[in-house]
Amino acid sequence: MPQVELRDASAPFHHDSKRKRQVRRYVIRGCELLIKYPFRPTEDQQAELMKMPALACSCCTAAEMQRQECHAVWLIAKLKHKFHLPFPPPLVSAVIAPELVERGKESGDWRRAAEIHHHAFVTCKACHVSHKRGCLGVPRLIHDLKLGASLFCNPFADLPLKQSRALFEHYVDVDFRQLDSDEVERILAANAPA
């Protein structure tokens, strides 16, 4: 059987899995925090991202995007301002809801999940900007497509939303460089959950 050439949905901004993400250890008020940073996207890559037909997040629903609870929304807002763009690329949710994953695992029927990915990555031609390579236990939904981790992912995704957003927005503001311990501590303290 001939091998199918797979298109990476995060291309050309794929974080190469052969090169591990850079793990940075922070100790904040006696608690250890490990952050996995992707390799830093260049200014040209940032500008190219804003020329893509669409961007897709495989972690957030459309409702979360509308409520400004998605890193892709924050990313687009920051880069739109940075490059003075009137019209950024549209955002598309490519998340597979847990109930669809469960139904697919039980019945083997992945049609609805495949429709979601087909809409995002084929119809909209979206570039994947998430840290996940797809949902655990979900088969490849489009035969010639793989979801790779993106250089534009949110390394702070595991933190509470308010802290994640503040850290991510600052990370974009400082041109995607790894944050210093002082910066992380200051931002976390200013955005501590009530």
C-alpha atoms as a PDB file:
ATOM      1  CA  MET A   1       0.000   0.000   0.000  1.00  0.00           C
ATOM      2  CA  PRO A   2       1.512   3.370  -0.982  1.00  0.00           C
ATOM      3  CA  GLN A   3       2.236   5.755   1.834  1.00  0.00           C
ATOM      4  CA  VAL A   4       0.008   8.842   1.853  1.00  0.00           C
ATOM      5  CA  GLU A   5       1.750  12.210   2.095  1.00  0.00           C
ATOM      6  CA  LEU A   6       0.253  13.906   5.161  1.00  0.00           C
ATOM      7  CA  ARG A   7      -0.401  17.621   5.250  1.00  0.00           C
ATOM      8  CA  ASP A   8       0.311  19.153   8.637  1.00  0.00           C
ATOM      9  CA  ALA A   9      -2.517  21.505   9.617  1.00  0.00           C
ATOM     10  CA  SER A  10      -0.081  23.643  11.620  1.00  0.00           C
ATOM     11  CA  ALA A  11       2.291  24.085   8.670  1.00  0.00           C
ATOM     12  CA  PRO A  12       4.307  26.154   8.053  1.00  0.00           C
ATOM     13  CA  PHE A  13       4.352  26.931  11.790  1.00  0.00           C
ATOM     14  CA  HIS A  14       4.703  23.384  13.059  1.00  0.00           C
ATOM     15  CA  HIS A  15       6.682  22.852  16.245  1.00  0.00           C
ATOM     16  CA  ASP A  16       8.998  20.036  15.169  1.00  0.00           C
ATOM     17  CA  SER A  17       8.467  17.109  17.545  1.00  0.00           C
ATOM     18  CA  LYS A  18      12.036  15.918  16.904  1.00  0.00           C
ATOM     19  CA  ARG A  19      13.170  18.990  18.820  1.00  0.00           C
ATOM     20  CA  LYS A  20      11.582  18.919  22.253  1.00  0.00           C
ATOM     21  CA  ARG A  21       9.844  21.990  23.601  1.00  0.00           C
ATOM     22  CA  GLN A  22      12.012  24.003  25.925  1.00  0.00           C
ATOM     23  CA  VAL A  23      10.932  23.408  29.511  1.00  0.00           C
ATOM     24  CA  ARG A  24      11.437  26.293  31.915  1.00  0.00           C
ATOM     25  CA  ARG A  25      11.122  25.754  35.659  1.00  0.00           C
ATOM     26  CA  TYR A  26       9.806  28.579  37.807  1.00  0.00           C
ATOM     27  CA  VAL A  27       9.479  28.585  41.584  1.00  0.00           C
ATOM     28  CA  ILE A  28       6.743  31.020  42.540  1.00  0.00           C
ATOM     29  CA  ARG A  29       6.079  31.463  46.255  1.00  0.00           C
ATOM     30  CA  GLY A  30       7.480  28.015  46.959  1.00  0.00           C
ATOM     31  CA  CYS A  31       5.434  26.268  44.247  1.00  0.00           C
ATOM     32  CA  GLU A  32       7.065  24.783  41.173  1.00  0.00           C
ATOM     33  CA  LEU A  33       5.664  25.729  37.782  1.00  0.00           C
ATOM     34  CA  LEU A  34       6.885  24.003  34.617  1.00  0.00           C
ATOM     35  CA  ILE A  35       6.199  25.759  31.322  1.00  0.00           C
ATOM     36  CA  LYS A  36       6.915  24.106  27.954  1.00  0.00           C
ATOM     37  CA  TYR A  37       7.781  26.811  25.461  1.00  0.00           C
ATOM     38  CA  PRO A  38       7.660  26.139  21.727  1.00  0.00           C
ATOM     39  CA  PHE A  39      10.509  27.487  19.633  1.00  0.00           C
ATOM     40  CA  ARG A  40      10.196  31.217  19.173  1.00  0.00           C
ATOM     41  CA  PRO A  41       8.414  32.273  15.970  1.00  0.00           C
ATOM     42  CA  THR A  42      10.222  34.896  13.932  1.00  0.00           C
ATOM     43  CA  GLU A  43       8.758  38.267  12.996  1.00  0.00           C
ATOM     44  CA  ASP A  44       8.310  36.978   9.424  1.00  0.00           C
ATOM     45  CA  GLN A  45       6.430  33.915  10.693  1.00  0.00           C
ATOM     46  CA  GLN A  46       4.171  36.159  12.777  1.00  0.00           C
ATOM     47  CA  ALA A  47       3.380  38.270   9.711  1.00  0.00           C
ATOM     48  CA  GLU A  48       2.820  35.150   7.579  1.00  0.00           C
ATOM     49  CA  LEU A  49       0.396  33.743  10.161  1.00  0.00           C
ATOM     50  CA  MET A  50      -1.777  36.816   9.703  1.00  0.00           C
ATOM     51  CA  LYS A  51      -1.977  36.088   5.951  1.00  0.00           C
ATOM     52  CA  MET A  52      -3.436  32.596   6.420  1.00  0.00           C
ATOM     53  CA  PRO A  53      -6.992  32.004   5.114  1.00  0.00           C
ATOM     54  CA  ALA A  54      -8.159  31.134   8.656  1.00  0.00           C
ATOM     55  CA  LEU A  55      -6.821  29.991  12.040  1.00  0.00           C
ATOM     56  CA  ALA A  56      -8.153  27.025  14.009  1.00  0.00           C
ATOM     57  CA  CYS A  57      -7.942  26.140  17.679  1.00  0.00           C
ATOM     58  CA  SER A  58      -8.506  22.497  18.608  1.00  0.00           C
ATOM     59  CA  CYS A  59      -8.819  23.306  22.329  1.00  0.00           C
ATOM     60  CA  CYS A  60     -11.639  25.887  22.459  1.00  0.00           C
ATOM     61  CA  THR A  61     -15.255  25.883  21.379  1.00  0.00           C
ATOM     62  CA  ALA A  62     -16.820  28.634  19.276  1.00  0.00           C
ATOM     63  CA  ALA A  63     -18.642  29.820  22.431  1.00  0.00           C
ATOM     64  CA  GLU A  64     -15.326  30.123  24.304  1.00  0.00           C
ATOM     65  CA  MET A  65     -13.916  32.097  21.380  1.00  0.00           C
ATOM     66  CA  GLN A  66     -16.895  34.480  21.482  1.00  0.00           C
ATOM     67  CA  ARG A  67     -16.364  34.973  25.235  1.00  0.00           C
ATOM     68  CA  GLN A  68     -12.679  35.834  24.579  1.00  0.00           C
ATOM     69  CA  GLU A  69     -11.553  32.691  26.458  1.00  0.00           C
ATOM     70  CA  CYS A  70      -9.323  31.303  23.689  1.00  0.00           C
ATOM     71  CA  HIS A  71      -5.641  31.993  23.168  1.00  0.00           C
ATOM     72  CA  ALA A  72      -6.196  32.213  19.402  1.00  0.00           C
ATOM     73  CA  VAL A  73      -8.468  35.227  19.980  1.00  0.00           C
ATOM     74  CA  TRP A  74      -5.801  36.890  22.148  1.00  0.00           C
ATOM     75  CA  LEU A  75      -3.079  36.032  19.615  1.00  0.00           C
ATOM     76  CA  ILE A  76      -4.995  37.512  16.685  1.00  0.00           C
ATOM     77  CA  ALA A  77      -5.835  40.689  18.614  1.00  0.00           C
ATOM     78  CA  LYS A  78      -2.183  41.243  19.540  1.00  0.00           C
ATOM     79  CA  LEU A  79      -0.797  40.500  16.065  1.00  0.00           C
ATOM     80  CA  LYS A  80      -3.537  42.532  14.352  1.00  0.00           C
ATOM     81  CA  HIS A  81      -2.464  45.523  16.424  1.00  0.00           C
ATOM     82  CA  LYS A  82       1.258  44.848  15.933  1.00  0.00           C
ATOM     83  CA  PHE A  83       0.999  44.661  12.136  1.00  0.00           C
ATOM     84  CA  HIS A  84      -1.746  47.326  11.835  1.00  0.00           C
ATOM     85  CA  LEU A  85      -4.119  45.005   9.986  1.00  0.00           C
ATOM     86  CA  PRO A  86      -7.729  45.982   9.314  1.00  0.00           C
ATOM     87  CA  PHE A  87      -8.918  42.391   8.769  1.00  0.00           C
ATOM     88  CA  PRO A  88      -7.224  39.485  10.549  1.00  0.00           C
ATOM     89  CA  PRO A  89      -7.858  35.903   9.463  1.00  0.00           C
ATOM     90  CA  PRO A  90     -11.116  34.420  10.761  1.00  0.00           C
ATOM     91  CA  LEU A  91     -11.018  32.000  13.685  1.00  0.00           C
ATOM     92  CA  VAL A  92     -12.537  28.532  13.541  1.00  0.00           C
ATOM     93  CA  SER A  93     -13.093  26.063  16.347  1.00  0.00           C
ATOM     94  CA  ALA A  94     -11.817  22.571  15.554  1.00  0.00           C
ATOM     95  CA  VAL A  95     -12.505  21.139  18.998  1.00  0.00           C
ATOM     96  CA  ILE A  96     -14.096  17.697  19.200  1.00  0.00           C
ATOM     97  CA  ALA A  97     -16.551  17.753  22.109  1.00  0.00           C
ATOM     98  CA  PRO A  98     -16.012  15.081  24.785  1.00  0.00           C
ATOM     99  CA  GLU A  99     -19.428  13.540  24.058  1.00  0.00           C
ATOM    100  CA  LEU A 100     -18.449  13.096  20.385  1.00  0.00           C
ATOM    101  CA  VAL A 101     -15.176  11.472  21.424  1.00  0.00           C
ATOM    102  CA  GLU A 102     -17.037   9.129  23.784  1.00  0.00           C
ATOM    103  CA  ARG A 103     -19.647   8.266  21.141  1.00  0.00           C
ATOM    104  CA  GLY A 104     -16.931   7.632  18.570  1.00  0.00           C
ATOM    105  CA  LYS A 105     -15.001   5.350  20.920  1.00  0.00           C
ATOM    106  CA  GLU A 106     -18.142   3.378  21.766  1.00  0.00           C
ATOM    107  CA  SER A 107     -19.691   3.093  18.304  1.00  0.00           C
ATOM    108  CA  GLY A 108     -16.770   3.695  15.975  1.00  0.00           C
ATOM    109  CA  ASP A 109     -18.845   6.435  14.284  1.00  0.00           C
ATOM    110  CA  TRP A 110     -16.546   9.431  13.848  1.00  0.00           C
ATOM    111  CA  ARG A 111     -18.571  11.132  11.087  1.00  0.00           C
ATOM    112  CA  ARG A 112     -19.595  14.237  13.089  1.00  0.00           C
ATOM    113  CA  ALA A 113     -16.060  14.690  14.420  1.00  0.00           C
ATOM    114  CA  ALA A 114     -14.694  14.322  10.880  1.00  0.00           C
ATOM    115  CA  GLU A 115     -17.165  16.973   9.663  1.00  0.00           C
ATOM    116  CA  ILE A 116     -15.815  19.425  12.241  1.00  0.00           C
ATOM    117  CA  HIS A 117     -12.219  18.898  11.129  1.00  0.00           C
ATOM    118  CA  HIS A 118     -13.201  18.905   7.449  1.00  0.00           C
ATOM    119  CA  HIS A 119     -14.913  22.272   7.888  1.00  0.00           C
ATOM    120  CA  ALA A 120     -11.936  23.794   9.727  1.00  0.00           C
ATOM    121  CA  PHE A 121      -9.005  22.370   7.798  1.00  0.00           C
ATOM    122  CA  VAL A 122     -10.385  21.660   4.315  1.00  0.00           C
ATOM    123  CA  THR A 123     -13.283  24.047   3.741  1.00  0.00           C
ATOM    124  CA  CYS A 124     -11.788  27.011   5.665  1.00  0.00           C
ATOM    125  CA  LYS A 125      -8.159  25.971   4.989  1.00  0.00           C
ATOM    126  CA  ALA A 126      -7.337  26.943   8.571  1.00  0.00           C
ATOM    127  CA  CYS A 127      -3.892  26.805  10.103  1.00  0.00           C
ATOM    128  CA  HIS A 128      -3.826  24.943  13.437  1.00  0.00           C
ATOM    129  CA  VAL A 129      -2.474  27.144  16.268  1.00  0.00           C
ATOM    130  CA  SER A 130      -2.885  24.889  19.325  1.00  0.00           C
ATOM    131  CA  HIS A 131      -0.451  22.977  21.500  1.00  0.00           C
ATOM    132  CA  LYS A 132      -2.360  19.702  21.143  1.00  0.00           C
ATOM    133  CA  ARG A 133      -1.665  17.299  18.351  1.00  0.00           C
ATOM    134  CA  GLY A 134      -5.349  16.308  18.436  1.00  0.00           C
ATOM    135  CA  CYS A 135      -7.624  14.598  20.923  1.00  0.00           C
ATOM    136  CA  LEU A 136      -6.331  11.571  22.791  1.00  0.00           C
ATOM    137  CA  GLY A 137      -7.899   8.384  21.454  1.00  0.00           C
ATOM    138  CA  VAL A 138      -9.314  10.036  18.327  1.00  0.00           C
ATOM    139  CA  PRO A 139      -8.245   8.486  15.032  1.00  0.00           C
ATOM    140  CA  ARG A 140      -7.080  10.553  12.067  1.00  0.00           C
ATOM    141  CA  LEU A 141     -10.332  12.145  10.889  1.00  0.00           C
ATOM    142  CA  ILE A 142      -9.119  13.343   7.494  1.00  0.00           C
ATOM    143  CA  HIS A 143      -7.008  10.728   5.733  1.00  0.00           C
ATOM    144  CA  ASP A 144      -4.244  13.070   4.505  1.00  0.00           C
ATOM    145  CA  LEU A 145      -4.150  15.514   7.424  1.00  0.00           C
ATOM    146  CA  LYS A 146      -2.332  15.509  10.752  1.00  0.00           C
ATOM    147  CA  LEU A 147      -2.618  18.010  13.568  1.00  0.00           C
ATOM    148  CA  GLY A 148       0.777  19.191  14.698  1.00  0.00           C
ATOM    149  CA  ALA A 149       1.633  21.399  17.636  1.00  0.00           C
ATOM    150  CA  SER A 150       2.066  25.021  16.604  1.00  0.00           C
ATOM    151  CA  LEU A 151       4.776  27.572  17.313  1.00  0.00           C
ATOM    152  CA  PHE A 152       1.854  29.859  18.215  1.00  0.00           C
ATOM    153  CA  CYS A 153       0.411  27.653  20.960  1.00  0.00           C
ATOM    154  CA  ASN A 154      -0.280  28.870  24.493  1.00  0.00           C
ATOM    155  CA  PRO A 155       2.451  27.517  26.801  1.00  0.00           C
ATOM    156  CA  PHE A 156       0.377  28.704  29.789  1.00  0.00           C
ATOM    157  CA  ALA A 157      -2.794  26.797  28.845  1.00  0.00           C
ATOM    158  CA  ASP A 158      -2.815  24.690  32.031  1.00  0.00           C
ATOM    159  CA  LEU A 159      -3.118  27.722  34.319  1.00  0.00           C
ATOM    160  CA  PRO A 160      -6.415  29.361  35.371  1.00  0.00           C
ATOM    161  CA  LEU A 161      -7.909  31.393  32.520  1.00  0.00           C
ATOM    162  CA  LYS A 162      -7.187  34.877  33.891  1.00  0.00           C
ATOM    163  CA  GLN A 163      -3.532  34.033  34.604  1.00  0.00           C
ATOM    164  CA  SER A 164      -3.128  32.136  31.339  1.00  0.00           C
ATOM    165  CA  ARG A 165      -4.424  35.087  29.354  1.00  0.00           C
ATOM    166  CA  ALA A 166      -2.261  37.663  31.167  1.00  0.00           C
ATOM    167  CA  LEU A 167       0.889  35.555  30.742  1.00  0.00           C
ATOM    168  CA  PHE A 168       0.143  34.735  27.101  1.00  0.00           C
ATOM    169  CA  GLU A 169      -0.590  38.341  26.153  1.00  0.00           C
ATOM    170  CA  HIS A 170       2.642  39.477  27.809  1.00  0.00           C
ATOM    171  CA  TYR A 171       4.508  36.635  26.056  1.00  0.00           C
ATOM    172  CA  VAL A 172       3.236  37.914  22.693  1.00  0.00           C
ATOM    173  CA  ASP A 173       4.047  41.525  23.683  1.00  0.00           C
ATOM    174  CA  VAL A 174       7.676  40.557  24.361  1.00  0.00           C
ATOM    175  CA  ASP A 175       7.925  38.838  20.980  1.00  0.00           C
ATOM    176  CA  PHE A 176       7.441  35.238  22.185  1.00  0.00           C
ATOM    177  CA  ARG A 177      10.573  35.084  24.306  1.00  0.00           C
ATOM    178  CA  GLN A 178      10.660  32.927  27.416  1.00  0.00           C
ATOM    179  CA  LEU A 179       9.518  34.918  30.427  1.00  0.00           C
ATOM    180  CA  ASP A 180      11.764  35.664  33.387  1.00  0.00           C
ATOM    181  CA  SER A 181      10.823  34.468  36.868  1.00  0.00           C
ATOM    182  CA  ASP A 182      10.155  38.052  38.010  1.00  0.00           C
ATOM    183  CA  GLU A 183       7.749  38.634  35.123  1.00  0.00           C
ATOM    184  CA  VAL A 184       5.872  35.398  35.789  1.00  0.00           C
ATOM    185  CA  GLU A 185       5.600  36.078  39.510  1.00  0.00           C
ATOM    186  CA  ARG A 186       4.401  39.655  38.979  1.00  0.00           C
ATOM    187  CA  ILE A 187       1.771  38.640  36.387  1.00  0.00           C
ATOM    188  CA  LEU A 188       0.505  35.695  38.432  1.00  0.00           C
ATOM    189  CA  ALA A 189       0.193  37.876  41.564  1.00  0.00           C
ATOM    190  CA  ALA A 190      -1.673  40.621  39.665  1.00  0.00           C
ATOM    191  CA  ASN A 191      -4.092  38.054  38.210  1.00  0.00           C
ATOM    192  CA  ALA A 192      -4.555  35.703  41.145  1.00  0.00           C
ATOM    193  CA  PRO A 193      -7.982  34.046  41.349  1.00  0.00           C
ATOM    194  CA  ALA A 194     -10.284  35.811  43.783  1.00  0.00           C
END
